[in-house]
Every structure is written in structure tokens, then in C-alpha cells.
């Protein structure tokens, strides 16, 4: 994902939308941005619990492996309004994170991967904006 994040972090749509916490040109990252990132991480725990925990593992008995696709549809929908590459990528990410969760029987690999990608995007955009 690193080359993809580095590339897209320089596009107008990603630079306009990320990071969600608006860091001023002269603002230091600590403490406000760091504290905000801690809460952002908690949001990913909740997100992964809902989609890869509740929706995926809650429907796997009925749908089997196809529960991944049942979960991926609403997961993709929460990305509507974000940059188009991210919305399309959410389909691939939903399938990959769903498969990881089924195989590991846990949401934690998805939490770490999902947040890792998010923090990388935030830092890359901040670097491109000259804030880092």
C-alpha cells in the first residue's frame, strides 16, 4: 500500500480531504494532532468491530464465505463522498479485510492495517503540504 498512498497523497482530492484534523501551518503536531489520532484509532476499532466483527461474523453461518460481500456493500457505502479512488479501494479493502478476519477469527489485524493506512495517508499529506 505504501506506493499507492504516496502517489494518491499528492492528488488534489486527497490533499483537500486529509487529514480530517486540520493542522495549521504553524501548529505543532503535539499535543492536539496526537490526541486526535488516539481518538481516530478508537474509531477504527469501532469500525472494524461493526463491519468485520458484527456484520461479517454475524452472517457467516448463513452466507458462508459470501458474508464477506454482504459486509463489503455497506462498508463501501460509508466511503461515498470521499475521493473516488478511496471509494473504489474500499471494495478491495472490504474483501481483503473480511478474508483476514475470517481466517484470523479476529478484528485486530484489520484494525492495525486500516489505521496504519490512515495514519500513513495523514502523514504523507501533511508532508506534501509542508507541515511535516
Protein backbone atom coordinates (compact mmCIF):
# COMPACT_ATOMS: atom_id res chain seq x y z
CA UNK A 1 0.00 0.00 0.00
CA UNK A 2 2.93 2.39 0.56
CA UNK A 3 3.45 3.31 -3.13
CA UNK A 4 -0.31 3.76 -3.61
CA UNK A 5 -0.56 6.01 -0.54
CA UNK A 6 2.47 8.06 -1.57
CA UNK A 7 1.01 8.57 -5.04
CA UNK A 8 -2.56 9.43 -4.04
CA UNK A 9 -1.47 11.66 -1.14
CA UNK A 10 -0.31 14.15 -3.76
CA UNK A 11 -3.63 14.33 -5.59
CA UNK A 12 -5.90 17.33 -5.15
CA UNK A 13 -8.83 15.34 -3.74
CA UNK A 14 -6.77 13.63 -1.03
CA UNK A 15 -4.89 16.80 -0.11
CA UNK A 16 -8.22 18.60 0.27
CA UNK A 17 -9.75 15.90 2.46
CA UNK A 18 -6.88 14.69 4.65
CA UNK A 19 -6.05 14.73 7.43
CA UNK A 20 -9.51 15.13 8.96
CA UNK A 21 -7.92 17.15 11.76
CA UNK A 22 -6.97 20.48 10.19
CA UNK A 23 -3.39 21.23 11.19
CA UNK A 24 -2.39 24.88 10.80
CA UNK A 25 0.87 25.76 9.04
CA UNK A 26 2.47 26.95 12.28
CA UNK A 27 0.73 24.50 14.61
CA UNK A 28 2.80 21.83 16.31
CA UNK A 29 1.55 18.25 15.96
CA UNK A 30 1.80 17.64 19.69
CA UNK A 31 -0.46 17.60 21.63
CA UNK A 32 -3.63 18.31 19.60
CA UNK A 33 -2.95 16.22 16.48
CA UNK A 34 -1.53 13.33 18.52
CA UNK A 35 -4.53 13.28 20.87
CA UNK A 36 -6.87 13.47 17.89
CA UNK A 37 -5.05 10.47 16.34
CA UNK A 38 -5.65 8.45 19.52
CA UNK A 39 -9.38 9.02 19.17
CA UNK A 40 -9.13 8.31 15.44
CA UNK A 41 -7.59 4.94 16.33
CA UNK A 42 -10.55 4.19 18.64
CA UNK A 43 -12.87 4.93 15.72
CA UNK A 44 -11.11 2.21 13.69
CA UNK A 45 -11.67 -0.29 16.50
CA UNK A 46 -15.40 0.52 16.41
CA UNK A 47 -15.48 0.43 12.60
CA UNK A 48 -13.74 -2.95 12.38
CA UNK A 49 -15.93 -4.34 15.16
CA UNK A 50 -19.08 -3.32 13.26
CA UNK A 51 -18.06 -4.47 9.79
CA UNK A 52 -15.57 -7.33 10.30
CA UNK A 53 -16.95 -8.38 13.68
CA UNK A 54 -20.71 -7.96 13.86
CA UNK A 55 -21.68 -7.96 10.16
CA UNK A 56 -19.14 -10.50 8.90
CA UNK A 57 -19.01 -12.98 11.75
CA UNK A 58 -22.70 -12.47 12.46
CA UNK A 59 -23.69 -13.55 8.94
CA UNK A 60 -21.03 -16.17 8.17
CA UNK A 61 -23.19 -19.10 9.36
CA UNK A 62 -25.94 -18.15 6.95
CA UNK A 63 -23.85 -16.96 3.98
CA UNK A 64 -20.50 -18.70 4.45
CA UNK A 65 -17.66 -17.05 2.54
CA UNK A 66 -20.23 -14.79 0.82
CA UNK A 67 -20.68 -12.97 4.14
CA UNK A 68 -17.59 -11.02 3.04
CA UNK A 69 -19.59 -9.50 0.18
CA UNK A 70 -22.64 -8.90 2.38
CA UNK A 71 -20.38 -6.86 4.69
CA UNK A 72 -18.47 -5.15 1.87
CA UNK A 73 -21.54 -3.43 0.40
CA UNK A 74 -22.33 -1.19 3.40
CA UNK A 75 -18.60 -0.82 4.08
CA UNK A 76 -18.13 0.64 0.59
CA UNK A 77 -21.17 2.88 1.09
CA UNK A 78 -19.62 4.65 4.09
CA UNK A 79 -16.87 5.77 1.71
CA UNK A 80 -19.32 7.57 -0.60
CA UNK A 81 -18.37 11.25 -0.75
CA UNK A 82 -14.68 10.53 -0.22
CA UNK A 83 -12.20 10.66 -3.12
CA UNK A 84 -13.22 8.18 -5.86
CA UNK A 85 -10.04 6.06 -5.63
CA UNK A 86 -10.72 5.56 -1.92
CA UNK A 87 -14.34 4.54 -2.54
CA UNK A 88 -13.30 2.03 -5.19
CA UNK A 89 -10.45 0.84 -2.97
CA UNK A 90 -12.96 0.23 -0.19
CA UNK A 91 -14.40 -2.65 -2.24
CA UNK A 92 -10.99 -4.33 -2.45
CA UNK A 93 -10.23 -3.45 1.18
CA UNK A 94 -13.58 -4.85 2.35
CA UNK A 95 -12.85 -8.18 0.69
CA UNK A 96 -9.24 -8.34 1.91
CA UNK A 97 -10.04 -7.24 5.48
CA UNK A 98 -13.02 -9.61 5.53
CA UNK A 99 -10.88 -12.55 4.42
CA UNK A 100 -8.25 -11.64 7.04
CA UNK A 101 -10.90 -11.50 9.75
CA UNK A 102 -12.42 -14.85 8.78
CA UNK A 103 -9.01 -16.52 8.67
CA UNK A 104 -7.73 -14.99 11.93
CA UNK A 105 -11.14 -15.03 13.68
CA UNK A 106 -10.25 -11.54 14.93
CA UNK A 107 -10.77 -7.90 14.06
CA UNK A 108 -7.32 -6.84 15.31
CA UNK A 109 -5.28 -7.44 12.13
CA UNK A 110 -7.84 -5.30 10.30
CA UNK A 111 -7.70 -2.58 12.95
CA UNK A 112 -3.92 -2.37 12.67
CA UNK A 113 -3.84 -2.45 8.86
CA UNK A 114 -6.72 0.01 8.48
CA UNK A 115 -5.30 2.50 10.96
CA UNK A 116 -1.79 2.05 9.55
CA UNK A 117 -3.03 3.08 6.12
CA UNK A 118 -4.96 6.03 7.57
CA UNK A 119 -2.02 7.40 9.58
CA UNK A 120 0.29 6.96 6.57
CA UNK A 121 -2.11 8.96 4.40
CA UNK A 122 -2.38 11.71 7.03
CA UNK A 123 1.40 11.96 7.41
CA UNK A 124 2.05 11.88 3.65
CA UNK A 125 -0.48 14.66 3.04
CA UNK A 126 0.97 16.73 5.89
CA UNK A 127 4.43 16.26 4.35
CA UNK A 128 3.19 17.34 0.92
CA UNK A 129 1.53 20.41 2.47
CA UNK A 130 4.87 21.33 4.06
CA UNK A 131 3.63 20.87 7.62
CA UNK A 132 5.88 17.90 8.43
